[in-house]
Amino acid sequence: MVEGMQTRIQIYVDENGEKSSILMPYDEWTRLNNKVKRLEAKLKVFSGIRDGMSEVREAAAGGKKLQSLSDFVNESRN
């Protein structure tokens, strides 16, 4: 959304005054949905890094030898 632009979002409430749904322009929904997808992809990358770091810490604590980066890259190409 362009800064200063108003988004036309309508919020609907039920008979109890609870928010039940919204209506928004399709372009705005698409933009938000794309942002969510990008954030989910980032989360997946960061989670993978976190899991990898945990594996490294566990290996170091247990004296386990890890695969080298060169071996990993070569294995990934096959």
PDB file of N, CA and C in Angstrom:
ATOM      1  N   MET A   1       0.851  -1.179   0.000  1.00  0.00           N
ATOM      2  CA  MET A   1       0.000   0.000   0.000  1.00  0.00           C
ATOM      3  C   MET A   1       0.890   1.232   0.000  1.00  0.00           C
ATOM      4  N   VAL A   2       0.528   2.217  -0.766  1.00  0.00           N
ATOM      5  CA  VAL A   2       1.269   3.462  -0.827  1.00  0.00           C
ATOM      6  C   VAL A   2       1.014   4.234   0.458  1.00  0.00           C
ATOM      7  N   GLU A   3       2.100   4.761   1.031  1.00  0.00           N
ATOM      8  CA  GLU A   3       1.962   5.498   2.284  1.00  0.00           C
ATOM      9  C   GLU A   3       0.996   6.656   2.091  1.00  0.00           C
ATOM     10  N   GLY A   4       0.120   6.835   3.044  1.00  0.00           N
ATOM     11  CA  GLY A   4      -0.848   7.910   2.977  1.00  0.00           C
ATOM     12  C   GLY A   4      -2.160   7.499   2.323  1.00  0.00           C
ATOM     13  N   MET A   5      -2.159   6.346   1.643  1.00  0.00           N
ATOM     14  CA  MET A   5      -3.381   5.857   1.012  1.00  0.00           C
ATOM     15  C   MET A   5      -4.247   5.144   2.042  1.00  0.00           C
ATOM     16  N   GLN A   6      -5.517   5.350   1.966  1.00  0.00           N
ATOM     17  CA  GLN A   6      -6.446   4.668   2.852  1.00  0.00           C
ATOM     18  C   GLN A   6      -6.855   3.339   2.221  1.00  0.00           C
ATOM     19  N   THR A   7      -6.834   2.255   3.009  1.00  0.00           N
ATOM     20  CA  THR A   7      -7.323   0.972   2.538  1.00  0.00           C
ATOM     21  C   THR A   7      -8.802   0.880   2.880  1.00  0.00           C
ATOM     22  N   ARG A   8      -9.586   0.454   1.914  1.00  0.00           N
ATOM     23  CA  ARG A   8     -11.024   0.335   2.127  1.00  0.00           C
ATOM     24  C   ARG A   8     -11.340  -1.040   2.703  1.00  0.00           C
ATOM     25  N   ILE A   9     -11.208  -1.172   3.992  1.00  0.00           N
ATOM     26  CA  ILE A   9     -11.510  -2.427   4.668  1.00  0.00           C
ATOM     27  C   ILE A   9     -12.783  -2.249   5.467  1.00  0.00           C
ATOM     28  N   GLN A  10     -13.705  -3.178   5.264  1.00  0.00           N
ATOM     29  CA  GLN A  10     -14.951  -3.161   6.027  1.00  0.00           C
ATOM     30  C   GLN A  10     -14.920  -4.341   6.991  1.00  0.00           C
ATOM     31  N   ILE A  11     -15.209  -4.071   8.237  1.00  0.00           N
ATOM     32  CA  ILE A  11     -15.235  -5.117   9.261  1.00  0.00           C
ATOM     33  C   ILE A  11     -16.688  -5.386   9.615  1.00  0.00           C
ATOM     34  N   TYR A  12     -17.059  -6.650   9.558  1.00  0.00           N
ATOM     35  CA  TYR A  12     -18.420  -7.053   9.896  1.00  0.00           C
ATOM     36  C   TYR A  12     -18.443  -7.654  11.292  1.00  0.00           C
ATOM     37  N   VAL A  13     -19.477  -7.340  12.022  1.00  0.00           N
ATOM     38  CA  VAL A  13     -19.643  -7.880  13.370  1.00  0.00           C
ATOM     39  C   VAL A  13     -20.949  -8.659  13.433  1.00  0.00           C
ATOM     40  N   ASP A  14     -20.952  -9.659  14.298  1.00  0.00           N
ATOM     41  CA  ASP A  14     -22.169 -10.460  14.448  1.00  0.00           C
ATOM     42  C   ASP A  14     -23.123  -9.785  15.438  1.00  0.00           C
ATOM     43  N   GLU A  15     -24.219 -10.484  15.731  1.00  0.00           N
ATOM     44  CA  GLU A  15     -25.245  -9.926  16.619  1.00  0.00           C
ATOM     45  C   GLU A  15     -24.737  -9.689  18.048  1.00  0.00           C
ATOM     46  N   ASN A  16     -23.604 -10.328  18.419  1.00  0.00           N
ATOM     47  CA  ASN A  16     -23.015 -10.140  19.743  1.00  0.00           C
ATOM     48  C   ASN A  16     -21.942  -9.055  19.758  1.00  0.00           C
ATOM     49  N   GLY A  17     -21.740  -8.415  18.617  1.00  0.00           N
ATOM     50  CA  GLY A  17     -20.727  -7.380  18.524  1.00  0.00           C
ATOM     51  C   GLY A  17     -19.325  -7.909  18.308  1.00  0.00           C
ATOM     52  N   GLU A  18     -19.197  -9.214  18.028  1.00  0.00           N
ATOM     53  CA  GLU A  18     -17.893  -9.832  17.781  1.00  0.00           C
ATOM     54  C   GLU A  18     -17.536  -9.706  16.305  1.00  0.00           C
ATOM     55  N   LYS A  19     -16.285  -9.371  16.028  1.00  0.00           N
ATOM     56  CA  LYS A  19     -15.842  -9.288  14.641  1.00  0.00           C
ATOM     57  C   LYS A  19     -15.948 -10.673  14.007  1.00  0.00           C
ATOM     58  N   SER A  20     -16.580 -10.746  12.838  1.00  0.00           N
ATOM     59  CA  SER A  20     -16.807 -12.045  12.210  1.00  0.00           C
ATOM     60  C   SER A  20     -16.134 -12.185  10.849  1.00  0.00           C
ATOM     61  N   SER A  21     -15.952 -11.088  10.119  1.00  0.00           N
ATOM     62  CA  SER A  21     -15.311 -11.160   8.804  1.00  0.00           C
ATOM     63  C   SER A  21     -14.929  -9.758   8.352  1.00  0.00           C
ATOM     64  N   ILE A  22     -14.137  -9.742   7.276  1.00  0.00           N
ATOM     65  CA  ILE A  22     -13.769  -8.460   6.687  1.00  0.00           C
ATOM     66  C   ILE A  22     -13.966  -8.522   5.187  1.00  0.00           C
ATOM     67  N   LEU A  23     -14.088  -7.360   4.593  1.00  0.00           N
ATOM     68  CA  LEU A  23     -14.148  -7.212   3.149  1.00  0.00           C
ATOM     69  C   LEU A  23     -13.073  -6.197   2.791  1.00  0.00           C
ATOM     70  N   MET A  24     -12.195  -6.594   1.873  1.00  0.00           N
ATOM     71  CA  MET A  24     -11.117  -5.697   1.478  1.00  0.00           C
ATOM     72  C   MET A  24     -10.892  -5.803  -0.016  1.00  0.00           C
ATOM     73  N   PRO A  25     -10.259  -4.794  -0.612  1.00  0.00           N
ATOM     74  CA  PRO A  25      -9.969  -4.865  -2.043  1.00  0.00           C
ATOM     75  C   PRO A  25      -9.071  -6.063  -2.360  1.00  0.00           C
ATOM     76  N   TYR A  26      -9.328  -6.688  -3.491  1.00  0.00           N
ATOM     77  CA  TYR A  26      -8.582  -7.876  -3.888  1.00  0.00           C
ATOM     78  C   TYR A  26      -7.088  -7.600  -3.997  1.00  0.00           C
ATOM     79  N   ASP A  27      -6.716  -6.450  -4.550  1.00  0.00           N
ATOM     80  CA  ASP A  27      -5.294  -6.115  -4.690  1.00  0.00           C
ATOM     81  C   ASP A  27      -4.598  -6.058  -3.332  1.00  0.00           C
ATOM     82  N   GLU A  28      -5.284  -5.505  -2.345  1.00  0.00           N
ATOM     83  CA  GLU A  28      -4.713  -5.433  -0.987  1.00  0.00           C
ATOM     84  C   GLU A  28      -4.570  -6.836  -0.398  1.00  0.00           C
ATOM     85  N   TRP A  29      -5.592  -7.674  -0.604  1.00  0.00           N
ATOM     86  CA  TRP A  29      -5.526  -9.047  -0.100  1.00  0.00           C
ATOM     87  C   TRP A  29      -4.365  -9.794  -0.757  1.00  0.00           C
ATOM     88  N   THR A  30      -4.200  -9.615  -2.070  1.00  0.00           N
ATOM     89  CA  THR A  30      -3.107 -10.267  -2.793  1.00  0.00           C
ATOM     90  C   THR A  30      -1.760  -9.816  -2.247  1.00  0.00           C
ATOM     91  N   ARG A  31      -1.605  -8.516  -2.011  1.00  0.00           N
ATOM     92  CA  ARG A  31      -0.359  -7.989  -1.470  1.00  0.00           C
ATOM     93  C   ARG A  31      -0.067  -8.589  -0.099  1.00  0.00           C
ATOM     94  N   LEU A  32      -1.062  -8.628   0.760  1.00  0.00           N
ATOM     95  CA  LEU A  32      -0.869  -9.203   2.095  1.00  0.00           C
ATOM     96  C   LEU A  32      -0.569 -10.698   2.020  1.00  0.00           C
ATOM     97  N   ASN A  33      -1.266 -11.401   1.137  1.00  0.00           N
ATOM     98  CA  ASN A  33      -1.043 -12.834   0.987  1.00  0.00           C
ATOM     99  C   ASN A  33       0.376 -13.122   0.491  1.00  0.00           C
ATOM    100  N   ASN A  34       0.868 -12.316  -0.450  1.00  0.00           N
ATOM    101  CA  ASN A  34       2.246 -12.475  -0.935  1.00  0.00           C
ATOM    102  C   ASN A  34       3.256 -12.206   0.172  1.00  0.00           C
ATOM    103  N   LYS A  35       2.964 -11.218   1.006  1.00  0.00           N
ATOM    104  CA  LYS A  35       3.854 -10.918   2.136  1.00  0.00           C
ATOM    105  C   LYS A  35       3.897 -12.093   3.112  1.00  0.00           C
ATOM    106  N   VAL A  36       2.755 -12.694   3.369  1.00  0.00           N
ATOM    107  CA  VAL A  36       2.695 -13.867   4.254  1.00  0.00           C
ATOM    108  C   VAL A  36       3.529 -15.003   3.675  1.00  0.00           C
ATOM    109  N   LYS A  37       3.419 -15.228   2.377  1.00  0.00           N
ATOM    110  CA  LYS A  37       4.191 -16.294   1.732  1.00  0.00           C
ATOM    111  C   LYS A  37       5.696 -16.039   1.851  1.00  0.00           C
ATOM    112  N   ARG A  38       6.112 -14.783   1.663  1.00  0.00           N
ATOM    113  CA  ARG A  38       7.537 -14.455   1.806  1.00  0.00           C
ATOM    114  C   ARG A  38       8.003 -14.667   3.242  1.00  0.00           C
ATOM    115  N   LEU A  39       7.174 -14.275   4.208  1.00  0.00           N
ATOM    116  CA  LEU A  39       7.530 -14.466   5.613  1.00  0.00           C
ATOM    117  C   LEU A  39       7.592 -15.947   5.975  1.00  0.00           C
ATOM    118  N   GLU A  40       6.688 -16.747   5.424  1.00  0.00           N
ATOM    119  CA  GLU A  40       6.724 -18.193   5.666  1.00  0.00           C
ATOM    120  C   GLU A  40       8.007 -18.799   5.105  1.00  0.00           C
ATOM    121  N   ALA A  41       8.425 -18.334   3.925  1.00  0.00           N
ATOM    122  CA  ALA A  41       9.674 -18.830   3.330  1.00  0.00           C
ATOM    123  C   ALA A  41      10.871 -18.451   4.197  1.00  0.00           C
ATOM    124  N   LYS A  42      10.889 -17.226   4.714  1.00  0.00           N
ATOM    125  CA  LYS A  42      11.969 -16.803   5.618  1.00  0.00           C
ATOM    126  C   LYS A  42      11.989 -17.659   6.868  1.00  0.00           C
ATOM    127  N   LEU A  43      10.803 -17.911   7.420  1.00  0.00           N
ATOM    128  CA  LEU A  43      10.719 -18.727   8.624  1.00  0.00           C
ATOM    129  C   LEU A  43      11.269 -20.124   8.374  1.00  0.00           C
ATOM    130  N   LYS A  44      10.980 -20.676   7.207  1.00  0.00           N
ATOM    131  CA  LYS A  44      11.483 -22.008   6.859  1.00  0.00           C
ATOM    132  C   LYS A  44      13.012 -22.005   6.794  1.00  0.00           C
ATOM    133  N   VAL A  45      13.589 -20.967   6.190  1.00  0.00           N
ATOM    134  CA  VAL A  45      15.048 -20.864   6.111  1.00  0.00           C
ATOM    135  C   VAL A  45      15.648 -20.731   7.508  1.00  0.00           C
ATOM    136  N   PHE A  46      15.097 -19.815   8.308  1.00  0.00           N
ATOM    137  CA  PHE A  46      15.636 -19.610   9.653  1.00  0.00           C
ATOM    138  C   PHE A  46      15.474 -20.850  10.525  1.00  0.00           C
ATOM    139  N   SER A  47      14.375 -21.564  10.368  1.00  0.00           N
ATOM    140  CA  SER A  47      14.172 -22.803  11.123  1.00  0.00           C
ATOM    141  C   SER A  47      15.201 -23.849  10.723  1.00  0.00           C
ATOM    142  N   GLY A  48      15.500 -23.916   9.421  1.00  0.00           N
ATOM    143  CA  GLY A  48      16.523 -24.846   8.953  1.00  0.00           C
ATOM    144  C   GLY A  48      17.890 -24.504   9.516  1.00  0.00           C
ATOM    145  N   ILE A  49      18.203 -23.219   9.562  1.00  0.00           N
ATOM    146  CA  ILE A  49      19.475 -22.791  10.138  1.00  0.00           C
ATOM    147  C   ILE A  49      19.530 -23.150  11.622  1.00  0.00           C
ATOM    148  N   ARG A  50      18.449 -22.872  12.339  1.00  0.00           N
ATOM    149  CA  ARG A  50      18.384 -23.205  13.771  1.00  0.00           C
ATOM    150  C   ARG A  50      18.579 -24.708  13.988  1.00  0.00           C
ATOM    151  N   ASP A  51      17.888 -25.512  13.179  1.00  0.00           N
ATOM    152  CA  ASP A  51      18.011 -26.967  13.322  1.00  0.00           C
ATOM    153  C   ASP A  51      19.430 -27.429  13.008  1.00  0.00           C
ATOM    154  N   GLY A  52      20.029 -26.829  11.983  1.00  0.00           N
ATOM    155  CA  GLY A  52      21.406 -27.173  11.634  1.00  0.00           C
ATOM    156  C   GLY A  52      22.378 -26.814  12.742  1.00  0.00           C
ATOM    157  N   MET A  53      22.183 -25.656  13.340  1.00  0.00           N
ATOM    158  CA  MET A  53      23.055 -25.238  14.446  1.00  0.00           C
ATOM    159  C   MET A  53      22.901 -26.169  15.644  1.00  0.00           C
ATOM    160  N   SER A  54      21.689 -26.617  15.900  1.00  0.00           N
ATOM    161  CA  SER A  54      21.464 -27.582  16.989  1.00  0.00           C
ATOM    162  C   SER A  54      22.198 -28.884  16.708  1.00  0.00           C
ATOM    163  N   GLU A  55      22.158 -29.311  15.444  1.00  0.00           N
ATOM    164  CA  GLU A  55      22.857 -30.540  15.055  1.00  0.00           C
ATOM    165  C   GLU A  55      24.363 -30.386  15.249  1.00  0.00           C
ATOM    166  N   VAL A  56      24.896 -29.224  14.910  1.00  0.00           N
ATOM    167  CA  VAL A  56      26.327 -28.974  15.086  1.00  0.00           C
ATOM    168  C   VAL A  56      26.691 -29.001  16.567  1.00  0.00           C
ATOM    169  N   ARG A  57      25.879 -28.341  17.392  1.00  0.00           N
ATOM    170  CA  ARG A  57      26.150 -28.341  18.847  1.00  0.00           C
ATOM    171  C   ARG A  57      26.104 -29.749  19.424  1.00  0.00           C
ATOM    172  N   GLU A  58      25.099 -30.522  19.012  1.00  0.00           N
ATOM    173  CA  GLU A  58      24.981 -31.905  19.503  1.00  0.00           C
ATOM    174  C   GLU A  58      26.171 -32.747  19.051  1.00  0.00           C
ATOM    175  N   ALA A  59      26.599 -32.566  17.813  1.00  0.00           N
ATOM    176  CA  ALA A  59      27.737 -33.327  17.290  1.00  0.00           C
ATOM    177  C   ALA A  59      29.006 -32.952  18.045  1.00  0.00           C
ATOM    178  N   ALA A  60      29.188 -31.668  18.294  1.00  0.00           N
ATOM    179  CA  ALA A  60      30.383 -31.215  19.013  1.00  0.00           C
ATOM    180  C   ALA A  60      30.392 -31.768  20.432  1.00  0.00           C
ATOM    181  N   ALA A  61      29.238 -31.783  21.067  1.00  0.00           N
ATOM    182  CA  ALA A  61      29.150 -32.288  22.437  1.00  0.00           C
ATOM    183  C   ALA A  61      29.410 -33.795  22.492  1.00  0.00           C
ATOM    184  N   GLY A  62      29.015 -34.504  21.430  1.00  0.00           N
ATOM    185  CA  GLY A  62      29.179 -35.951  21.401  1.00  0.00           C
ATOM    186  C   GLY A  62      30.442 -36.416  20.704  1.00  0.00           C
ATOM    187  N   GLY A  63      31.237 -35.479  20.217  1.00  0.00           N
ATOM    188  CA  GLY A  63      32.466 -35.846  19.526  1.00  0.00           C
ATOM    189  C   GLY A  63      32.234 -36.446  18.151  1.00  0.00           C
ATOM    190  N   LYS A  64      31.055 -36.239  17.604  1.00  0.00           N
ATOM    191  CA  LYS A  64      30.705 -36.792  16.292  1.00  0.00           C
ATOM    192  C   LYS A  64      31.290 -35.912  15.190  1.00  0.00           C
ATOM    193  N   LYS A  65      31.838 -36.538  14.140  1.00  0.00           N
ATOM    194  CA  LYS A  65      32.375 -35.795  13.008  1.00  0.00           C
ATOM    195  C   LYS A  65      31.242 -35.500  12.027  1.00  0.00           C
ATOM    196  N   LEU A  66      31.199 -34.240  11.566  1.00  0.00           N
ATOM    197  CA  LEU A  66      30.158 -33.826  10.635  1.00  0.00           C
ATOM    198  C   LEU A  66      30.680 -33.852   9.199  1.00  0.00           C
ATOM    199  N   GLN A  67      29.767 -33.916   8.260  1.00  0.00           N
ATOM    200  CA  GLN A  67      30.088 -33.884   6.844  1.00  0.00           C
ATOM    201  C   GLN A  67      30.645 -32.499   6.492  1.00  0.00           C
ATOM    202  N   SER A  68      31.662 -32.466   5.643  1.00  0.00           N
ATOM    203  CA  SER A  68      32.226 -31.177   5.228  1.00  0.00           C
ATOM    204  C   SER A  68      31.280 -30.500   4.238  1.00  0.00           C
ATOM    205  N   LEU A  69      31.434 -29.189   4.093  1.00  0.00           N
ATOM    206  CA  LEU A  69      30.615 -28.450   3.149  1.00  0.00           C
ATOM    207  C   LEU A  69      30.867 -28.934   1.726  1.00  0.00           C
ATOM    208  N   SER A  70      32.106 -29.203   1.381  1.00  0.00           N
ATOM    209  CA  SER A  70      32.440 -29.707   0.036  1.00  0.00           C
ATOM    210  C   SER A  70      31.729 -31.021  -0.240  1.00  0.00           C
ATOM    211  N   ASP A  71      31.772 -31.925   0.738  1.00  0.00           N
ATOM    212  CA  ASP A  71      31.072 -33.213   0.562  1.00  0.00           C
ATOM    213  C   ASP A  71      29.578 -33.014   0.413  1.00  0.00           C
ATOM    214  N   PHE A  72      29.034 -32.106   1.197  1.00  0.00           N
ATOM    215  CA  PHE A  72      27.603 -31.827   1.131  1.00  0.00           C
ATOM    216  C   PHE A  72      27.223 -31.309  -0.252  1.00  0.00           C
ATOM    217  N   VAL A  73      28.000 -30.346  -0.757  1.00  0.00           N
ATOM    218  CA  VAL A  73      27.711 -29.754  -2.072  1.00  0.00           C
ATOM    219  C   VAL A  73      27.841 -30.828  -3.157  1.00  0.00           C
ATOM    220  N   ASN A  74      28.894 -31.633  -3.093  1.00  0.00           N
ATOM    221  CA  ASN A  74      29.071 -32.698  -4.090  1.00  0.00           C
ATOM    222  C   ASN A  74      27.944 -33.705  -4.028  1.00  0.00           C
ATOM    223  N   GLU A  75      27.510 -34.041  -2.840  1.00  0.00           N
ATOM    224  CA  GLU A  75      26.401 -34.994  -2.670  1.00  0.00           C
ATOM    225  C   GLU A  75      25.106 -34.405  -3.231  1.00  0.00           C
ATOM    226  N   SER A  76      24.907 -33.094  -3.055  1.00  0.00           N
ATOM    227  CA  SER A  76      23.692 -32.439  -3.527  1.00  0.00           C
ATOM    228  C   SER A  76      23.622 -32.391  -5.046  1.00  0.00           C
ATOM    229  N   ARG A  77      24.775 -32.428  -5.705  1.00  0.00           N
ATOM    230  CA  ARG A  77      24.809 -32.346  -7.173  1.00  0.00           C
ATOM    231  C   ARG A  77      24.455 -33.684  -7.808  1.00  0.00           C
ATOM    232  N   ASN A  78      24.585 -34.760  -7.079  1.00  0.00           N
ATOM    233  CA  ASN A  78      24.320 -36.106  -7.643  1.00  0.00           C
ATOM    234  C   ASN A  78      22.870 -36.468  -7.563  1.00  0.00           C
TER     235      ASN A  78
END
